[in-house]
Amino acid sequence: MKHFKITNLKSKVVQFMNESEKDQFFTKNSLGNYKRENVQELARERYNKKLHDFAFSVGVLAVFTILLFLMCGTLGFIDSLIF
């Protein structure tokens, strides 16, 4: 069963409802003043964002590590030429 987060756009009141409660609620109230969001989709989007941020961090760390090793190798090569 789907769960929904219903937000009143005027008063910013948040209510959590299942599918049948949502249908019953919107038969009594107009659709225009409310924002409807599926809670499962919100959780999946948060998880995907965390996964994306983690992958980006690992990628940046790998690039900087490679650059550091290349820089150390270059400096060691220059040092061996001078001395």
N, C-alpha and C. Protein backbone atom coordinates (compact mmCIF):
# COMPACT_ATOMS: atom_id res chain seq x y z
N MET A 1 0.84 -1.17 0.00
CA MET A 1 0.00 0.00 0.00
C MET A 1 0.89 1.24 0.00
N LYS A 2 0.52 2.20 -0.81
CA LYS A 2 1.30 3.43 -0.93
C LYS A 2 0.97 4.38 0.22
N HIS A 3 1.98 5.11 0.65
CA HIS A 3 1.81 6.13 1.67
C HIS A 3 2.16 7.47 1.06
N PHE A 4 1.42 8.50 1.46
CA PHE A 4 1.58 9.82 0.87
C PHE A 4 1.82 10.86 1.94
N LYS A 5 2.58 11.88 1.55
CA LYS A 5 2.80 13.05 2.39
C LYS A 5 1.99 14.18 1.76
N ILE A 6 0.99 14.68 2.48
CA ILE A 6 0.11 15.73 1.98
C ILE A 6 0.46 17.01 2.72
N THR A 7 0.80 18.07 1.96
CA THR A 7 1.19 19.34 2.56
C THR A 7 0.19 20.41 2.13
N ASN A 8 -0.36 21.12 3.11
CA ASN A 8 -1.22 22.26 2.82
C ASN A 8 -0.32 23.42 2.43
N LEU A 9 -0.52 23.97 1.23
CA LEU A 9 0.37 25.00 0.72
C LEU A 9 0.19 26.34 1.44
N LYS A 10 -0.99 26.58 2.01
CA LYS A 10 -1.22 27.85 2.71
C LYS A 10 -0.69 27.81 4.14
N SER A 11 -1.05 26.78 4.89
CA SER A 11 -0.68 26.73 6.31
C SER A 11 0.57 25.88 6.58
N LYS A 12 1.11 25.20 5.55
CA LYS A 12 2.30 24.35 5.66
C LYS A 12 2.12 23.18 6.63
N VAL A 13 0.89 22.75 6.85
CA VAL A 13 0.61 21.60 7.70
C VAL A 13 0.86 20.33 6.89
N VAL A 14 1.58 19.37 7.50
CA VAL A 14 1.93 18.13 6.82
C VAL A 14 1.14 16.98 7.45
N GLN A 15 0.54 16.17 6.58
CA GLN A 15 -0.19 14.99 7.03
C GLN A 15 0.30 13.78 6.24
N PHE A 16 0.40 12.64 6.91
CA PHE A 16 0.79 11.40 6.26
C PHE A 16 -0.44 10.50 6.18
N MET A 17 -0.73 10.00 4.97
CA MET A 17 -1.92 9.19 4.76
C MET A 17 -1.60 8.01 3.85
N ASN A 18 -2.41 6.96 3.98
CA ASN A 18 -2.29 5.87 3.01
C ASN A 18 -3.21 6.18 1.84
N GLU A 19 -3.27 5.26 0.89
CA GLU A 19 -3.97 5.53 -0.37
C GLU A 19 -5.47 5.74 -0.18
N SER A 20 -6.09 4.92 0.63
CA SER A 20 -7.54 5.06 0.82
C SER A 20 -7.88 6.34 1.59
N GLU A 21 -7.07 6.68 2.59
CA GLU A 21 -7.30 7.93 3.34
C GLU A 21 -7.12 9.14 2.43
N LYS A 22 -6.14 9.06 1.53
CA LYS A 22 -5.89 10.17 0.59
C LYS A 22 -7.09 10.37 -0.33
N ASP A 23 -7.63 9.26 -0.86
CA ASP A 23 -8.80 9.36 -1.74
C ASP A 23 -9.99 9.96 -1.01
N GLN A 24 -10.21 9.52 0.22
CA GLN A 24 -11.31 10.04 1.02
C GLN A 24 -11.08 11.51 1.36
N PHE A 25 -9.86 11.88 1.64
CA PHE A 25 -9.53 13.26 2.00
C PHE A 25 -9.79 14.20 0.82
N PHE A 26 -9.41 13.78 -0.38
CA PHE A 26 -9.57 14.67 -1.53
C PHE A 26 -10.98 14.65 -2.12
N THR A 27 -11.84 13.76 -1.67
CA THR A 27 -13.25 13.88 -2.06
C THR A 27 -13.91 15.00 -1.26
N LYS A 28 -13.37 15.30 -0.06
CA LYS A 28 -13.93 16.35 0.79
C LYS A 28 -13.23 17.70 0.56
N ASN A 29 -11.97 17.68 0.13
CA ASN A 29 -11.18 18.91 -0.01
C ASN A 29 -10.79 19.12 -1.47
N SER A 30 -10.51 20.38 -1.80
CA SER A 30 -10.11 20.68 -3.17
C SER A 30 -8.66 20.26 -3.39
N LEU A 31 -8.29 20.01 -4.63
CA LEU A 31 -6.94 19.55 -4.96
C LEU A 31 -5.94 20.69 -5.02
N GLY A 32 -6.40 21.92 -5.20
CA GLY A 32 -5.51 23.04 -5.48
C GLY A 32 -4.63 23.50 -4.33
N ASN A 33 -5.07 23.32 -3.10
CA ASN A 33 -4.33 23.86 -1.95
C ASN A 33 -3.34 22.89 -1.35
N TYR A 34 -3.19 21.72 -1.96
CA TYR A 34 -2.37 20.67 -1.35
C TYR A 34 -1.31 20.16 -2.32
N LYS A 35 -0.18 19.77 -1.74
CA LYS A 35 0.89 19.14 -2.50
C LYS A 35 0.97 17.68 -2.07
N ARG A 36 0.89 16.75 -3.04
CA ARG A 36 0.92 15.32 -2.75
C ARG A 36 2.26 14.74 -3.16
N GLU A 37 2.89 13.96 -2.26
CA GLU A 37 4.16 13.30 -2.56
C GLU A 37 4.10 11.86 -2.07
N ASN A 38 4.62 10.96 -2.87
CA ASN A 38 4.69 9.55 -2.49
C ASN A 38 5.90 9.36 -1.58
N VAL A 39 5.69 8.83 -0.40
CA VAL A 39 6.76 8.69 0.60
C VAL A 39 7.84 7.73 0.13
N GLN A 40 7.47 6.66 -0.56
CA GLN A 40 8.46 5.70 -1.04
C GLN A 40 9.38 6.35 -2.08
N GLU A 41 8.82 7.18 -2.96
CA GLU A 41 9.65 7.87 -3.95
C GLU A 41 10.58 8.86 -3.29
N LEU A 42 10.12 9.54 -2.25
CA LEU A 42 10.98 10.48 -1.53
C LEU A 42 12.15 9.76 -0.88
N ALA A 43 11.88 8.60 -0.28
CA ALA A 43 12.95 7.82 0.35
C ALA A 43 13.95 7.32 -0.70
N ARG A 44 13.45 6.88 -1.85
CA ARG A 44 14.33 6.41 -2.91
C ARG A 44 15.19 7.55 -3.46
N GLU A 45 14.62 8.74 -3.60
CA GLU A 45 15.39 9.89 -4.08
C GLU A 45 16.48 10.28 -3.09
N ARG A 46 16.16 10.23 -1.78
CA ARG A 46 17.18 10.54 -0.76
C ARG A 46 18.32 9.53 -0.81
N TYR A 47 17.98 8.24 -0.96
CA TYR A 47 19.00 7.18 -1.03
C TYR A 47 19.87 7.37 -2.26
N ASN A 48 19.25 7.67 -3.41
CA ASN A 48 20.01 7.87 -4.63
C ASN A 48 20.93 9.08 -4.53
N LYS A 49 20.47 10.13 -3.86
CA LYS A 49 21.32 11.31 -3.69
C LYS A 49 22.52 10.98 -2.80
N LYS A 50 22.31 10.24 -1.72
CA LYS A 50 23.42 9.85 -0.86
C LYS A 50 24.41 8.96 -1.61
N LEU A 51 23.89 8.03 -2.41
CA LEU A 51 24.74 7.16 -3.20
C LEU A 51 25.54 7.95 -4.22
N HIS A 52 24.91 8.92 -4.86
CA HIS A 52 25.59 9.77 -5.84
C HIS A 52 26.68 10.59 -5.16
N ASP A 53 26.38 11.17 -4.00
CA ASP A 53 27.37 11.97 -3.28
C ASP A 53 28.56 11.12 -2.86
N PHE A 54 28.31 9.89 -2.40
CA PHE A 54 29.39 9.00 -2.00
C PHE A 54 30.26 8.63 -3.20
N ALA A 55 29.63 8.30 -4.33
CA ALA A 55 30.39 7.94 -5.53
C ALA A 55 31.23 9.13 -6.02
N PHE A 56 30.67 10.33 -5.95
CA PHE A 56 31.41 11.52 -6.35
C PHE A 56 32.61 11.74 -5.44
N SER A 57 32.43 11.55 -4.13
CA SER A 57 33.53 11.72 -3.17
C SER A 57 34.65 10.72 -3.42
N VAL A 58 34.28 9.46 -3.68
CA VAL A 58 35.28 8.43 -3.96
C VAL A 58 36.02 8.76 -5.25
N GLY A 59 35.31 9.22 -6.26
CA GLY A 59 35.94 9.59 -7.52
C GLY A 59 36.93 10.73 -7.37
N VAL A 60 36.53 11.76 -6.64
CA VAL A 60 37.43 12.90 -6.40
C VAL A 60 38.64 12.46 -5.60
N LEU A 61 38.45 11.62 -4.60
CA LEU A 61 39.57 11.12 -3.81
C LEU A 61 40.54 10.33 -4.69
N ALA A 62 40.01 9.51 -5.60
CA ALA A 62 40.87 8.73 -6.50
C ALA A 62 41.66 9.65 -7.42
N VAL A 63 41.03 10.67 -7.96
CA VAL A 63 41.73 11.60 -8.86
C VAL A 63 42.84 12.31 -8.12
N PHE A 64 42.57 12.82 -6.92
CA PHE A 64 43.60 13.52 -6.17
C PHE A 64 44.72 12.60 -5.72
N THR A 65 44.40 11.34 -5.42
CA THR A 65 45.44 10.38 -5.06
C THR A 65 46.36 10.12 -6.24
N ILE A 66 45.77 9.94 -7.41
CA ILE A 66 46.59 9.72 -8.62
C ILE A 66 47.46 10.93 -8.90
N LEU A 67 46.88 12.13 -8.79
CA LEU A 67 47.66 13.35 -9.01
C LEU A 67 48.80 13.47 -8.00
N LEU A 68 48.56 13.10 -6.76
CA LEU A 68 49.60 13.16 -5.74
C LEU A 68 50.74 12.21 -6.07
N PHE A 69 50.41 10.98 -6.46
CA PHE A 69 51.46 10.02 -6.83
C PHE A 69 52.23 10.48 -8.05
N LEU A 70 51.54 11.04 -9.04
CA LEU A 70 52.24 11.56 -10.22
C LEU A 70 53.15 12.73 -9.86
N MET A 71 52.67 13.60 -8.97
CA MET A 71 53.47 14.74 -8.55
C MET A 71 54.71 14.27 -7.78
N CYS A 72 54.54 13.29 -6.90
CA CYS A 72 55.68 12.78 -6.13
C CYS A 72 56.70 12.12 -7.06
N GLY A 73 56.23 11.37 -8.06
CA GLY A 73 57.13 10.74 -9.01
C GLY A 73 57.87 11.77 -9.84
N THR A 74 57.18 12.83 -10.26
CA THR A 74 57.81 13.88 -11.05
C THR A 74 58.85 14.61 -10.21
N LEU A 75 58.51 14.92 -8.98
CA LEU A 75 59.47 15.62 -8.12
C LEU A 75 60.68 14.75 -7.81
N GLY A 76 60.45 13.44 -7.63
CA GLY A 76 61.58 12.53 -7.41
C GLY A 76 62.47 12.44 -8.62
N PHE A 77 61.88 12.46 -9.81
CA PHE A 77 62.67 12.43 -11.05
C PHE A 77 63.48 13.71 -11.22
N ILE A 78 62.88 14.85 -10.93
CA ILE A 78 63.60 16.13 -11.02
C ILE A 78 64.72 16.18 -9.99
N ASP A 79 64.44 15.67 -8.79
CA ASP A 79 65.46 15.66 -7.74
C ASP A 79 66.64 14.77 -8.15
N SER A 80 66.36 13.65 -8.80
CA SER A 80 67.46 12.77 -9.22
C SER A 80 68.30 13.41 -10.34
N LEU A 81 67.71 14.26 -11.13
CA LEU A 81 68.47 14.95 -12.18
C LEU A 81 69.37 16.02 -11.61
N ILE A 82 68.91 16.69 -10.58
CA ILE A 82 69.69 17.81 -10.00
C ILE A 82 70.86 17.27 -9.19
N PHE A 83 70.63 16.25 -8.40
CA PHE A 83 71.69 15.77 -7.52
C PHE A 83 72.26 14.54 -8.10
